[in-house]
């Protein structure tokens, strides 16, 4: 069984071909809060650098990430922090 972190990484690599990608499971910081699941894997931070973000504003960059993770955002992922940059930023 693939972890949610692995699924996020695979989908972002496939759709955005990042030069750098770090996905962190922050679920342990939200235990007992709304949206937290007993098994974790509900709160994540994504730090991504991709040439696909060049010339795009923050909202457009976030939309690309959200589109790539649309299936996961409908259920398993409760919260996602996105730090999206173009190379050289």
N, C-alpha and C. Protein backbone atom coordinates (compact mmCIF):
# COMPACT_ATOMS: atom_id res chain seq x y z
N UNK A 1 0.85 -1.19 0.00
CA UNK A 1 0.00 0.00 0.00
C UNK A 1 0.89 1.25 0.00
N UNK A 2 0.60 2.15 -0.88
CA UNK A 2 1.38 3.37 -1.02
C UNK A 2 0.90 4.41 -0.01
N UNK A 3 1.85 5.09 0.61
CA UNK A 3 1.48 6.15 1.55
C UNK A 3 0.93 7.35 0.79
N UNK A 4 0.17 8.18 1.49
CA UNK A 4 -0.36 9.39 0.88
C UNK A 4 0.78 10.31 0.46
N UNK A 5 1.82 10.38 1.24
CA UNK A 5 2.97 11.20 0.89
C UNK A 5 3.58 10.74 -0.43
N UNK A 6 3.72 9.43 -0.61
CA UNK A 6 4.25 8.90 -1.86
C UNK A 6 3.32 9.21 -3.04
N UNK A 7 2.01 9.11 -2.82
CA UNK A 7 1.04 9.43 -3.88
C UNK A 7 1.14 10.89 -4.30
N UNK A 8 1.26 11.77 -3.30
CA UNK A 8 1.38 13.20 -3.59
C UNK A 8 2.64 13.45 -4.42
N UNK A 9 3.75 12.90 -3.97
CA UNK A 9 5.02 13.09 -4.68
C UNK A 9 4.93 12.57 -6.13
N UNK A 10 4.37 11.39 -6.31
CA UNK A 10 4.27 10.81 -7.65
C UNK A 10 3.40 11.66 -8.57
N UNK A 11 2.27 12.11 -8.07
CA UNK A 11 1.38 12.91 -8.90
C UNK A 11 1.99 14.25 -9.27
N UNK A 12 2.67 14.88 -8.32
CA UNK A 12 3.29 16.17 -8.63
C UNK A 12 4.47 16.00 -9.58
N UNK A 13 5.23 14.93 -9.42
CA UNK A 13 6.34 14.68 -10.35
C UNK A 13 5.81 14.43 -11.77
N UNK A 14 4.74 13.66 -11.88
CA UNK A 14 4.16 13.35 -13.19
C UNK A 14 3.57 14.58 -13.87
N UNK A 15 2.89 15.43 -13.11
CA UNK A 15 2.17 16.54 -13.72
C UNK A 15 2.98 17.82 -13.84
N UNK A 16 3.96 18.05 -12.95
CA UNK A 16 4.66 19.33 -12.95
C UNK A 16 6.16 19.23 -13.17
N UNK A 17 6.70 18.04 -13.29
CA UNK A 17 8.14 17.82 -13.54
C UNK A 17 9.02 18.77 -12.72
N UNK A 18 8.91 18.71 -11.41
CA UNK A 18 9.65 19.68 -10.59
C UNK A 18 11.15 19.46 -10.58
N UNK A 19 11.87 20.57 -10.43
CA UNK A 19 13.31 20.49 -10.23
C UNK A 19 13.61 20.15 -8.78
N UNK A 20 12.71 20.54 -7.88
CA UNK A 20 12.84 20.23 -6.46
C UNK A 20 11.45 19.98 -5.90
N UNK A 21 11.35 19.00 -5.01
CA UNK A 21 10.06 18.66 -4.40
C UNK A 21 10.29 18.09 -3.02
N UNK A 22 9.59 18.65 -2.04
CA UNK A 22 9.60 18.11 -0.68
C UNK A 22 8.16 18.07 -0.19
N UNK A 23 7.73 16.91 0.26
CA UNK A 23 6.39 16.73 0.80
C UNK A 23 6.55 16.27 2.25
N UNK A 24 5.94 17.01 3.16
CA UNK A 24 6.05 16.72 4.58
C UNK A 24 4.67 16.40 5.15
N UNK A 25 4.58 15.30 5.89
CA UNK A 25 3.34 14.93 6.57
C UNK A 25 3.32 15.65 7.91
N UNK A 26 2.44 16.63 8.05
CA UNK A 26 2.31 17.43 9.27
C UNK A 26 1.16 16.94 10.16
N UNK A 27 0.61 15.79 9.87
CA UNK A 27 -0.59 15.32 10.56
C UNK A 27 -0.41 15.25 12.07
N UNK A 28 0.77 14.87 12.52
CA UNK A 28 0.99 14.74 13.97
C UNK A 28 0.82 16.07 14.69
N UNK A 29 0.98 17.18 13.99
CA UNK A 29 0.80 18.50 14.59
C UNK A 29 -0.67 18.86 14.76
N UNK A 30 -1.56 18.09 14.15
CA UNK A 30 -2.98 18.41 14.14
C UNK A 30 -3.83 17.33 14.81
N UNK A 31 -3.21 16.42 15.52
CA UNK A 31 -3.94 15.35 16.20
C UNK A 31 -4.99 15.96 17.13
N UNK A 32 -6.21 15.47 17.00
CA UNK A 32 -7.31 15.96 17.82
C UNK A 32 -8.03 17.16 17.25
N UNK A 33 -7.53 17.73 16.17
CA UNK A 33 -8.17 18.88 15.54
C UNK A 33 -9.14 18.41 14.46
N UNK A 34 -9.96 19.33 14.00
CA UNK A 34 -10.91 19.01 12.94
C UNK A 34 -10.17 18.51 11.71
N UNK A 35 -10.67 17.45 11.12
CA UNK A 35 -10.10 16.91 9.91
C UNK A 35 -8.96 15.93 10.13
N UNK A 36 -8.45 15.86 11.36
CA UNK A 36 -7.37 14.92 11.64
C UNK A 36 -7.93 13.51 11.68
N UNK A 37 -7.21 12.59 11.05
CA UNK A 37 -7.65 11.19 11.04
C UNK A 37 -6.79 10.41 12.01
N UNK A 38 -7.35 9.38 12.62
CA UNK A 38 -6.58 8.58 13.59
C UNK A 38 -5.27 8.04 13.02
N UNK A 39 -5.25 7.67 11.76
CA UNK A 39 -4.04 7.12 11.15
C UNK A 39 -3.12 8.18 10.58
N UNK A 40 -3.48 9.45 10.72
CA UNK A 40 -2.66 10.53 10.14
C UNK A 40 -2.89 10.67 8.66
N UNK A 41 -1.87 11.14 7.97
CA UNK A 41 -1.91 11.35 6.52
C UNK A 41 -3.07 12.24 6.07
N UNK A 42 -3.29 13.33 6.82
CA UNK A 42 -4.38 14.24 6.49
C UNK A 42 -3.92 15.68 6.28
N UNK A 43 -2.75 16.03 6.80
CA UNK A 43 -2.24 17.40 6.72
C UNK A 43 -0.82 17.36 6.14
N UNK A 44 -0.60 18.12 5.06
CA UNK A 44 0.69 18.07 4.38
C UNK A 44 1.19 19.46 4.00
N UNK A 45 2.51 19.57 3.86
CA UNK A 45 3.14 20.75 3.29
C UNK A 45 3.88 20.30 2.05
N UNK A 46 3.68 21.04 0.95
CA UNK A 46 4.37 20.77 -0.31
C UNK A 46 5.24 21.98 -0.63
N UNK A 47 6.52 21.72 -0.83
CA UNK A 47 7.45 22.74 -1.31
C UNK A 47 7.94 22.26 -2.67
N UNK A 48 7.64 23.05 -3.69
CA UNK A 48 7.90 22.60 -5.05
C UNK A 48 8.48 23.73 -5.90
N UNK A 49 9.47 23.38 -6.70
CA UNK A 49 10.06 24.30 -7.67
C UNK A 49 9.87 23.67 -9.05
N UNK A 50 9.19 24.39 -9.93
CA UNK A 50 8.91 23.87 -11.27
C UNK A 50 8.92 25.01 -12.28
N UNK A 51 9.46 24.74 -13.45
CA UNK A 51 9.45 25.74 -14.51
C UNK A 51 8.02 26.03 -14.98
N UNK A 52 7.10 25.13 -14.68
CA UNK A 52 5.68 25.35 -15.03
C UNK A 52 5.10 26.56 -14.31
N UNK A 53 5.75 27.01 -13.22
CA UNK A 53 5.26 28.15 -12.44
C UNK A 53 5.78 29.49 -12.95
N UNK A 54 6.72 29.47 -13.88
CA UNK A 54 7.30 30.72 -14.38
C UNK A 54 6.21 31.62 -14.97
N UNK A 55 6.20 32.85 -14.54
CA UNK A 55 5.24 33.82 -15.05
C UNK A 55 3.85 33.73 -14.43
N UNK A 56 3.63 32.78 -13.54
CA UNK A 56 2.31 32.62 -12.91
C UNK A 56 2.29 33.25 -11.53
N UNK A 57 1.15 33.81 -11.16
CA UNK A 57 1.01 34.33 -9.80
C UNK A 57 0.76 33.18 -8.82
N UNK A 58 0.73 33.49 -7.55
CA UNK A 58 0.59 32.47 -6.51
C UNK A 58 -0.70 31.66 -6.66
N UNK A 59 -1.79 32.31 -6.97
CA UNK A 59 -3.07 31.61 -7.11
C UNK A 59 -3.01 30.61 -8.26
N UNK A 60 -2.46 31.01 -9.39
CA UNK A 60 -2.35 30.10 -10.54
C UNK A 60 -1.44 28.92 -10.23
N UNK A 61 -0.38 29.16 -9.49
CA UNK A 61 0.52 28.07 -9.10
C UNK A 61 -0.19 27.08 -8.19
N UNK A 62 -0.93 27.60 -7.24
CA UNK A 62 -1.68 26.73 -6.32
C UNK A 62 -2.73 25.93 -7.07
N UNK A 63 -3.35 26.54 -8.06
CA UNK A 63 -4.34 25.81 -8.86
C UNK A 63 -3.72 24.62 -9.57
N UNK A 64 -2.52 24.78 -10.10
CA UNK A 64 -1.85 23.67 -10.77
C UNK A 64 -1.60 22.52 -9.79
N UNK A 65 -1.15 22.85 -8.60
CA UNK A 65 -0.92 21.82 -7.58
C UNK A 65 -2.25 21.17 -7.18
N UNK A 66 -3.25 21.99 -6.92
CA UNK A 66 -4.57 21.46 -6.53
C UNK A 66 -5.17 20.59 -7.63
N UNK A 67 -5.00 20.97 -8.88
CA UNK A 67 -5.52 20.16 -9.99
C UNK A 67 -4.83 18.79 -10.03
N UNK A 68 -3.52 18.79 -9.79
CA UNK A 68 -2.78 17.52 -9.81
C UNK A 68 -3.22 16.60 -8.68
N UNK A 69 -3.68 17.18 -7.57
CA UNK A 69 -4.06 16.40 -6.39
C UNK A 69 -5.57 16.41 -6.15
N UNK A 70 -6.34 16.66 -7.18
CA UNK A 70 -7.79 16.81 -7.04
C UNK A 70 -8.44 15.62 -6.34
N UNK A 71 -8.06 14.41 -6.72
CA UNK A 71 -8.66 13.22 -6.12
C UNK A 71 -8.37 13.14 -4.62
N UNK A 72 -7.14 13.42 -4.24
CA UNK A 72 -6.75 13.35 -2.83
C UNK A 72 -7.39 14.46 -2.00
N UNK A 73 -7.60 15.61 -2.61
CA UNK A 73 -8.19 16.74 -1.90
C UNK A 73 -9.69 16.58 -1.65
N UNK A 74 -10.32 15.60 -2.29
CA UNK A 74 -11.74 15.37 -2.05
C UNK A 74 -11.99 14.51 -0.82
N UNK A 75 -10.95 14.01 -0.21
CA UNK A 75 -11.18 13.15 0.95
C UNK A 75 -9.99 12.99 1.86
N UNK A 76 -9.01 12.23 1.47
CA UNK A 76 -7.94 11.90 2.41
C UNK A 76 -7.17 13.11 2.93
N UNK A 77 -6.91 14.11 2.07
CA UNK A 77 -6.16 15.28 2.51
C UNK A 77 -7.14 16.32 3.04
N UNK A 78 -6.93 16.71 4.29
CA UNK A 78 -7.77 17.74 4.90
C UNK A 78 -7.17 19.13 4.71
N UNK A 79 -5.84 19.22 4.79
CA UNK A 79 -5.18 20.52 4.67
C UNK A 79 -3.87 20.37 3.91
N UNK A 80 -3.60 21.36 3.06
CA UNK A 80 -2.40 21.33 2.24
C UNK A 80 -1.79 22.73 2.20
N UNK A 81 -0.58 22.85 2.70
CA UNK A 81 0.19 24.09 2.60
C UNK A 81 1.04 23.97 1.35
N UNK A 82 0.98 24.98 0.49
CA UNK A 82 1.72 24.94 -0.77
C UNK A 82 2.70 26.09 -0.82
N UNK A 83 3.95 25.75 -1.07
CA UNK A 83 4.99 26.74 -1.34
C UNK A 83 5.53 26.44 -2.72
N UNK A 84 5.04 27.16 -3.72
CA UNK A 84 5.36 26.88 -5.12
C UNK A 84 6.19 28.02 -5.70
N UNK A 85 7.33 27.64 -6.28
CA UNK A 85 8.23 28.63 -6.86
C UNK A 85 8.68 28.19 -8.24
N UNK A 86 9.07 29.17 -9.04
CA UNK A 86 9.72 28.89 -10.31
C UNK A 86 11.23 28.81 -10.04
N UNK A 87 11.99 28.15 -10.89
CA UNK A 87 13.44 28.09 -10.68
C UNK A 87 14.05 29.50 -10.59
N UNK A 88 14.98 29.67 -9.67
CA UNK A 88 15.64 30.95 -9.50
C UNK A 88 14.96 31.90 -8.56
N UNK A 89 13.79 31.54 -8.07
CA UNK A 89 13.09 32.43 -7.12
C UNK A 89 13.54 32.16 -5.71
